[in-house]
N, C-alpha and C. Protein backbone atom coordinates (compact mmCIF):
# COMPACT_ATOMS: atom_id res chain seq x y z
N UNK A 1 -18.72 -15.16 -30.08
CA UNK A 1 -18.78 -14.92 -28.74
C UNK A 1 -17.70 -15.81 -28.09
N UNK A 2 -16.67 -15.30 -27.34
CA UNK A 2 -15.92 -15.98 -26.65
C UNK A 2 -16.34 -17.03 -25.57
N UNK A 3 -15.50 -18.08 -25.53
CA UNK A 3 -15.76 -19.13 -24.63
C UNK A 3 -14.57 -19.07 -23.59
N UNK A 4 -15.11 -19.43 -22.23
CA UNK A 4 -13.98 -19.55 -21.16
C UNK A 4 -14.23 -20.95 -20.75
N UNK A 5 -13.08 -21.53 -20.49
CA UNK A 5 -13.23 -22.99 -20.17
C UNK A 5 -12.53 -22.92 -18.70
N UNK A 6 -13.29 -23.46 -17.57
CA UNK A 6 -12.77 -23.27 -16.20
C UNK A 6 -12.42 -24.88 -15.92
N UNK A 7 -11.03 -25.22 -16.02
CA UNK A 7 -10.47 -26.38 -16.08
C UNK A 7 -10.76 -27.10 -14.83
N UNK A 8 -10.66 -26.64 -13.74
CA UNK A 8 -10.87 -27.29 -12.36
C UNK A 8 -12.44 -27.84 -12.32
N UNK A 9 -13.27 -26.52 -12.82
CA UNK A 9 -14.68 -26.88 -12.53
C UNK A 9 -15.30 -27.82 -13.75
N UNK A 10 -14.64 -27.93 -14.77
CA UNK A 10 -15.10 -28.61 -16.08
C UNK A 10 -16.29 -28.09 -16.48
N UNK A 11 -16.12 -26.82 -16.71
CA UNK A 11 -17.29 -25.97 -17.16
C UNK A 11 -16.85 -25.04 -18.20
N UNK A 12 -17.58 -25.03 -19.39
CA UNK A 12 -17.24 -24.11 -20.53
C UNK A 12 -18.48 -22.88 -20.61
N UNK A 13 -18.15 -21.88 -20.72
CA UNK A 13 -19.10 -20.93 -20.37
C UNK A 13 -19.25 -19.52 -21.55
N UNK A 14 -19.92 -19.11 -22.15
CA UNK A 14 -19.82 -18.03 -22.99
C UNK A 14 -19.54 -16.73 -22.58
N UNK A 15 -18.84 -15.78 -23.08
CA UNK A 15 -18.71 -14.42 -22.54
C UNK A 15 -18.93 -13.56 -23.32
N UNK A 16 -19.14 -12.27 -23.14
CA UNK A 16 -19.38 -11.11 -24.05
C UNK A 16 -17.72 -10.53 -24.42
N UNK A 17 -17.74 -10.48 -25.50
CA UNK A 17 -16.03 -9.85 -26.07
C UNK A 17 -15.94 -8.56 -24.86
N UNK A 18 -14.99 -8.71 -24.55
CA UNK A 18 -14.57 -7.60 -23.49
C UNK A 18 -14.83 -7.79 -22.23
N UNK A 19 -15.44 -8.76 -21.83
CA UNK A 19 -15.90 -9.03 -20.40
C UNK A 19 -14.57 -9.45 -19.67
N UNK A 20 -14.58 -9.23 -18.53
CA UNK A 20 -13.47 -9.73 -17.64
C UNK A 20 -13.89 -11.15 -17.03
N UNK A 21 -13.25 -11.99 -16.77
CA UNK A 21 -13.34 -13.37 -16.25
C UNK A 21 -13.97 -13.47 -14.83
N UNK A 22 -13.62 -12.52 -13.91
CA UNK A 22 -14.30 -12.48 -12.59
C UNK A 22 -15.86 -12.41 -12.99
N UNK A 23 -16.43 -11.42 -13.68
CA UNK A 23 -17.81 -11.21 -14.01
C UNK A 23 -18.43 -12.50 -14.43
N UNK A 24 -17.63 -13.08 -15.53
CA UNK A 24 -18.46 -14.63 -15.99
C UNK A 24 -18.06 -15.73 -14.93
N UNK A 25 -17.10 -15.75 -14.21
CA UNK A 25 -17.02 -16.80 -13.35
C UNK A 25 -18.09 -16.59 -12.28
N UNK A 26 -18.59 -15.42 -11.83
CA UNK A 26 -19.46 -15.06 -10.61
C UNK A 26 -20.89 -15.36 -11.47
N UNK A 27 -20.97 -14.90 -12.56
CA UNK A 27 -22.38 -15.19 -13.17
C UNK A 27 -22.82 -16.77 -13.54
N UNK A 28 -21.62 -17.47 -13.35
CA UNK A 28 -22.05 -18.89 -13.45
C UNK A 28 -21.73 -19.87 -12.58
N UNK A 29 -21.50 -19.11 -11.29
CA UNK A 29 -21.07 -20.07 -9.91
C UNK A 29 -19.82 -20.46 -9.98
N UNK A 30 -18.89 -20.03 -10.42
CA UNK A 30 -17.36 -20.33 -10.43
C UNK A 30 -16.76 -19.87 -9.16
N UNK A 31 -16.37 -20.30 -8.17
CA UNK A 31 -15.62 -19.46 -7.13
C UNK A 31 -14.16 -19.45 -7.26
N UNK A 32 -13.80 -18.13 -7.10
CA UNK A 32 -12.53 -17.62 -7.65
C UNK A 32 -11.69 -17.49 -6.18
N UNK A 33 -12.63 -17.33 -5.25
CA UNK A 33 -11.88 -16.96 -3.76
C UNK A 33 -11.57 -17.99 -2.92
N UNK A 34 -10.53 -17.95 -1.81
CA UNK A 34 -10.36 -19.17 -1.01
C UNK A 34 -10.33 -18.51 0.38
N UNK A 35 -10.91 -19.24 1.39
CA UNK A 35 -10.75 -18.65 2.86
C UNK A 35 -11.53 -17.21 3.09
N UNK A 36 -10.98 -16.44 3.82
CA UNK A 36 -11.58 -15.18 4.15
C UNK A 36 -11.83 -14.33 2.95
N UNK A 37 -11.11 -14.65 1.93
CA UNK A 37 -11.05 -14.00 0.66
C UNK A 37 -12.68 -13.86 -0.18
N UNK A 38 -13.34 -15.03 0.38
CA UNK A 38 -14.64 -15.12 -0.16
C UNK A 38 -15.55 -13.87 0.18
N UNK A 39 -15.32 -13.34 1.24
CA UNK A 39 -15.99 -12.28 2.04
C UNK A 39 -15.18 -10.91 1.97
N UNK A 40 -13.81 -11.07 1.88
CA UNK A 40 -12.99 -10.07 2.28
C UNK A 40 -11.99 -9.63 0.97
N UNK A 41 -12.55 -9.34 -0.07
CA UNK A 41 -11.82 -9.03 -1.20
C UNK A 41 -12.35 -7.80 -1.73
N UNK A 42 -11.92 -7.27 -2.78
CA UNK A 42 -11.67 -5.85 -3.21
C UNK A 42 -12.79 -5.70 -4.11
N UNK A 43 -13.79 -6.73 -4.61
CA UNK A 43 -15.06 -6.47 -5.33
C UNK A 43 -14.62 -6.09 -6.74
N UNK A 44 -13.25 -6.70 -7.34
CA UNK A 44 -13.00 -6.62 -8.54
C UNK A 44 -12.10 -5.25 -8.91
N UNK A 45 -11.66 -4.46 -8.29
CA UNK A 45 -10.92 -3.32 -8.22
C UNK A 45 -9.46 -3.74 -8.36
N UNK A 46 -9.24 -4.94 -8.35
CA UNK A 46 -7.67 -5.34 -8.66
C UNK A 46 -6.91 -5.14 -7.52
N UNK A 47 -6.97 -4.58 -6.35
CA UNK A 47 -6.01 -4.18 -5.11
C UNK A 47 -5.92 -5.51 -4.26
N UNK A 48 -6.81 -6.44 -4.16
CA UNK A 48 -6.28 -7.63 -3.25
C UNK A 48 -5.33 -8.67 -3.80
N UNK A 49 -5.59 -9.01 -5.00
CA UNK A 49 -4.82 -10.01 -5.78
C UNK A 49 -5.33 -11.50 -5.39
N UNK A 50 -6.61 -11.49 -4.79
CA UNK A 50 -6.84 -12.84 -4.52
C UNK A 50 -7.53 -13.65 -5.54
N UNK A 51 -8.03 -13.14 -6.77
CA UNK A 51 -8.70 -13.80 -7.76
C UNK A 51 -7.98 -13.76 -8.84
N UNK A 52 -6.60 -14.68 -8.42
CA UNK A 52 -5.61 -15.10 -9.61
C UNK A 52 -5.94 -16.39 -10.19
N UNK A 53 -5.66 -16.28 -11.19
CA UNK A 53 -6.12 -17.47 -12.19
C UNK A 53 -4.81 -17.54 -13.18
N UNK A 54 -4.55 -18.96 -13.59
CA UNK A 54 -3.66 -19.13 -14.61
C UNK A 54 -4.31 -19.25 -15.91
N UNK A 55 -3.89 -18.66 -16.98
CA UNK A 55 -4.30 -18.67 -18.42
C UNK A 55 -3.60 -19.90 -18.95
N UNK A 56 -4.28 -21.10 -19.22
CA UNK A 56 -3.55 -22.13 -19.72
C UNK A 56 -3.46 -22.17 -21.26
N UNK A 57 -4.60 -21.44 -21.91
CA UNK A 57 -4.37 -21.49 -23.39
C UNK A 57 -5.39 -20.11 -23.75
N UNK A 58 -4.88 -19.99 -24.69
CA UNK A 58 -5.66 -18.51 -25.29
C UNK A 58 -5.01 -17.08 -24.63
N UNK A 59 -3.75 -16.95 -24.07
CA UNK A 59 -3.38 -15.93 -23.43
C UNK A 59 -3.61 -14.80 -24.58
N UNK A 60 -3.21 -15.08 -25.79
CA UNK A 60 -3.16 -14.09 -26.63
C UNK A 60 -4.77 -13.28 -27.01
N UNK A 61 -5.57 -14.02 -26.43
CA UNK A 61 -7.06 -13.69 -26.59
C UNK A 61 -7.44 -12.75 -25.41
N UNK A 62 -6.57 -12.54 -24.58
CA UNK A 62 -6.96 -11.66 -23.08
C UNK A 62 -6.17 -10.27 -23.51
N UNK A 63 -6.74 -9.38 -22.78
CA UNK A 63 -6.07 -8.14 -22.48
C UNK A 63 -4.58 -8.11 -22.11
N UNK A 64 -4.02 -7.03 -22.23
CA UNK A 64 -2.42 -7.17 -21.84
C UNK A 64 -2.82 -6.68 -20.24
N UNK A 65 -1.48 -6.95 -19.85
CA UNK A 65 -1.45 -6.79 -18.20
C UNK A 65 -1.32 -5.16 -18.01
N UNK A 66 -2.15 -4.86 -17.07
CA UNK A 66 -2.47 -3.45 -16.71
C UNK A 66 -1.40 -3.07 -15.66
N UNK A 67 -1.88 -1.73 -15.23
CA UNK A 67 -0.64 -1.14 -14.05
C UNK A 67 -0.72 -1.86 -13.00
N UNK A 68 -2.17 -2.37 -12.57
CA UNK A 68 -2.37 -3.06 -11.36
C UNK A 68 -1.80 -4.46 -11.05
N UNK A 69 -1.77 -5.05 -12.12
CA UNK A 69 -1.14 -6.54 -12.35
C UNK A 69 0.34 -6.41 -12.39
N UNK A 70 0.93 -5.30 -12.79
CA UNK A 70 2.39 -4.93 -12.91
C UNK A 70 2.72 -4.77 -11.65
N UNK A 71 2.00 -4.22 -10.88
CA UNK A 71 2.31 -3.51 -9.38
C UNK A 71 2.91 -4.65 -8.50
N UNK A 72 1.85 -5.82 -8.75
CA UNK A 72 2.02 -6.76 -7.78
C UNK A 72 3.66 -7.55 -7.81
N UNK A 73 4.18 -7.19 -8.95
CA UNK A 73 5.76 -7.80 -9.08
C UNK A 73 6.48 -7.05 -8.04
N UNK A 74 6.13 -5.80 -8.12
CA UNK A 74 6.92 -4.81 -7.16
C UNK A 74 6.72 -4.82 -5.53
N UNK A 75 5.42 -5.42 -5.14
CA UNK A 75 5.10 -5.29 -4.07
C UNK A 75 5.06 -6.61 -3.55
N UNK A 76 6.23 -7.65 -3.98
CA UNK A 76 6.20 -8.86 -3.73
C UNK A 76 6.10 -9.22 -2.20
N UNK A 77 6.93 -9.02 -1.20
CA UNK A 77 6.76 -9.45 0.05
C UNK A 77 5.39 -9.25 0.68
N UNK A 78 4.62 -7.85 0.36
CA UNK A 78 3.53 -7.59 1.07
C UNK A 78 2.29 -8.30 0.77
N UNK A 79 2.06 -8.16 -0.78
CA UNK A 79 0.74 -8.55 -1.36
C UNK A 79 1.07 -9.47 -2.39
N UNK A 80 1.99 -9.70 -3.10
CA UNK A 80 2.13 -10.27 -4.37
C UNK A 80 2.45 -11.73 -4.10
N UNK A 81 2.78 -12.32 -2.94
CA UNK A 81 3.29 -13.53 -3.05
C UNK A 81 2.48 -14.62 -3.81
N UNK A 82 1.04 -14.68 -3.59
CA UNK A 82 0.40 -15.56 -4.32
C UNK A 82 0.16 -15.51 -5.79
N UNK A 83 0.60 -14.28 -5.94
CA UNK A 83 0.31 -13.96 -7.57
C UNK A 83 1.75 -14.56 -8.24
N UNK A 84 2.70 -14.16 -7.63
CA UNK A 84 4.42 -14.52 -8.05
C UNK A 84 4.73 -15.87 -7.77
N UNK A 85 3.72 -16.70 -7.18
CA UNK A 85 4.16 -17.99 -6.94
C UNK A 85 4.36 -19.05 -8.11
N UNK A 86 3.68 -18.50 -9.08
CA UNK A 86 3.66 -19.60 -10.27
C UNK A 86 4.50 -18.96 -11.43
N UNK A 87 5.93 -18.91 -11.09
CA UNK A 87 6.63 -18.31 -12.22
C UNK A 87 6.68 -19.48 -13.58
N UNK A 88 6.67 -18.87 -14.86
CA UNK A 88 6.54 -19.40 -16.03
C UNK A 88 5.27 -20.06 -16.42
N UNK A 89 4.15 -19.51 -15.75
CA UNK A 89 2.85 -19.69 -15.97
C UNK A 89 2.26 -18.55 -16.07
N UNK A 90 1.19 -18.25 -16.91
CA UNK A 90 0.45 -16.95 -17.32
C UNK A 90 -0.58 -16.85 -15.98
N UNK A 91 -0.03 -16.06 -15.07
CA UNK A 91 -0.83 -15.92 -13.97
C UNK A 91 -1.49 -14.40 -14.09
N UNK A 92 -2.77 -14.25 -13.79
CA UNK A 92 -3.57 -13.17 -14.25
C UNK A 92 -4.41 -12.73 -12.82
N UNK A 93 -4.75 -11.53 -12.73
CA UNK A 93 -6.09 -11.48 -11.86
C UNK A 93 -7.21 -11.51 -12.93
N UNK A 94 -8.39 -12.26 -12.27
CA UNK A 94 -9.51 -12.36 -13.30
C UNK A 94 -10.28 -11.11 -13.21
N UNK A 95 -10.34 -10.15 -12.26
CA UNK A 95 -11.00 -9.00 -12.25
C UNK A 95 -10.23 -8.20 -13.31
N UNK A 96 -9.06 -8.14 -13.76
CA UNK A 96 -8.45 -7.26 -14.54
C UNK A 96 -8.18 -7.99 -15.99
N UNK A 97 -8.57 -8.94 -16.13
CA UNK A 97 -8.27 -9.74 -17.84
C UNK A 97 -9.65 -9.94 -18.13
N UNK A 98 -9.81 -8.99 -19.44
CA UNK A 98 -10.73 -9.06 -20.29
C UNK A 98 -10.42 -10.04 -21.55
N UNK A 99 -11.34 -10.93 -21.87
CA UNK A 99 -11.62 -11.70 -22.89
C UNK A 99 -11.92 -11.26 -24.08
N UNK A 100 -11.30 -11.68 -25.34
CA UNK A 100 -11.57 -11.36 -26.74
C UNK A 100 -11.79 -12.57 -27.55
N UNK A 101 -11.48 -13.58 -27.07
CA UNK A 101 -11.51 -14.94 -27.89
C UNK A 101 -11.76 -16.25 -26.83
N UNK A 102 -11.59 -17.22 -27.35
CA UNK A 102 -11.58 -18.51 -26.31
C UNK A 102 -10.37 -18.76 -25.28
N UNK A 103 -10.35 -18.88 -24.17
CA UNK A 103 -9.51 -19.06 -23.38
C UNK A 103 -9.68 -20.33 -22.34
N UNK A 104 -8.63 -20.80 -21.83
CA UNK A 104 -8.88 -22.06 -20.85
C UNK A 104 -8.08 -21.44 -19.55
N UNK A 105 -8.74 -21.56 -18.44
CA UNK A 105 -8.53 -20.90 -17.25
C UNK A 105 -8.41 -22.08 -15.91
N UNK A 106 -7.35 -21.85 -15.26
CA UNK A 106 -7.32 -22.80 -14.13
C UNK A 106 -7.34 -21.92 -12.81
N UNK A 107 -8.51 -21.96 -12.19
CA UNK A 107 -8.73 -21.36 -10.85
C UNK A 107 -7.99 -22.07 -9.77
N UNK A 108 -7.84 -21.30 -8.71
CA UNK A 108 -7.11 -21.75 -7.57
C UNK A 108 -5.83 -22.36 -7.73
N UNK A 109 -4.70 -21.46 -8.13
CA UNK A 109 -3.56 -22.05 -8.79
C UNK A 109 -2.81 -22.47 -7.44
N UNK A 110 -1.95 -23.50 -7.24
CA UNK A 110 -1.21 -23.66 -6.11
C UNK A 110 -0.24 -22.75 -5.78
N UNK A 111 0.01 -22.61 -4.29
CA UNK A 111 0.84 -21.63 -4.11
C UNK A 111 2.08 -22.34 -3.59
N UNK A 112 3.36 -21.63 -4.24
CA UNK A 112 4.79 -22.06 -3.90
C UNK A 112 5.46 -21.07 -3.17
N UNK A 113 5.33 -21.07 -1.87
CA UNK A 113 5.68 -19.78 -1.27
C UNK A 113 7.23 -19.28 -1.40
N UNK A 114 8.05 -20.49 -1.37
CA UNK A 114 9.57 -20.26 -1.49
C UNK A 114 10.09 -20.12 -2.75
N UNK A 115 9.33 -20.23 -3.87
CA UNK A 115 10.11 -20.25 -5.32
C UNK A 115 10.41 -21.47 -5.58
N UNK A 116 10.84 -21.68 -6.80
CA UNK A 116 11.39 -23.26 -7.23
C UNK A 116 12.57 -23.82 -6.78
N UNK A 117 13.58 -22.75 -6.43
CA UNK A 117 14.95 -23.21 -6.25
C UNK A 117 15.49 -22.65 -4.77
N UNK A 118 14.31 -22.53 -3.92
CA UNK A 118 14.50 -22.03 -2.64
C UNK A 118 15.78 -22.97 -1.83
N UNK A 119 15.13 -24.49 -1.92
CA UNK A 119 15.92 -25.21 -0.84
C UNK A 119 17.09 -25.99 -1.68
N UNK A 120 17.29 -25.62 -3.03
CA UNK A 120 18.49 -26.27 -3.74
C UNK A 120 19.64 -25.39 -3.40
């Protein structure tokens, strides 16, 4: 049985194989959403992009990025800013990421609105 370690919450929980991170987080009281997204989100359909997390370890134990996650790359100015703000890190949508082995997840990744080299 895969285990998900939520770094910020210092919590390790069991997940069923093939279960998505959002479902496991909600079942165990881990808050994935900030501000108005706590109420106004897409309920796990992958449309809002507000349940983004960073996979610190175990990305090989996660499902591959699907169409909806790849779409945010192309809709950058309107919807994908928060998801694209952590270049070089494995940023995923919790609702679209299924786990098949142990993973380490960071919730609420910091937002870098202007990119790494905007001011230089």
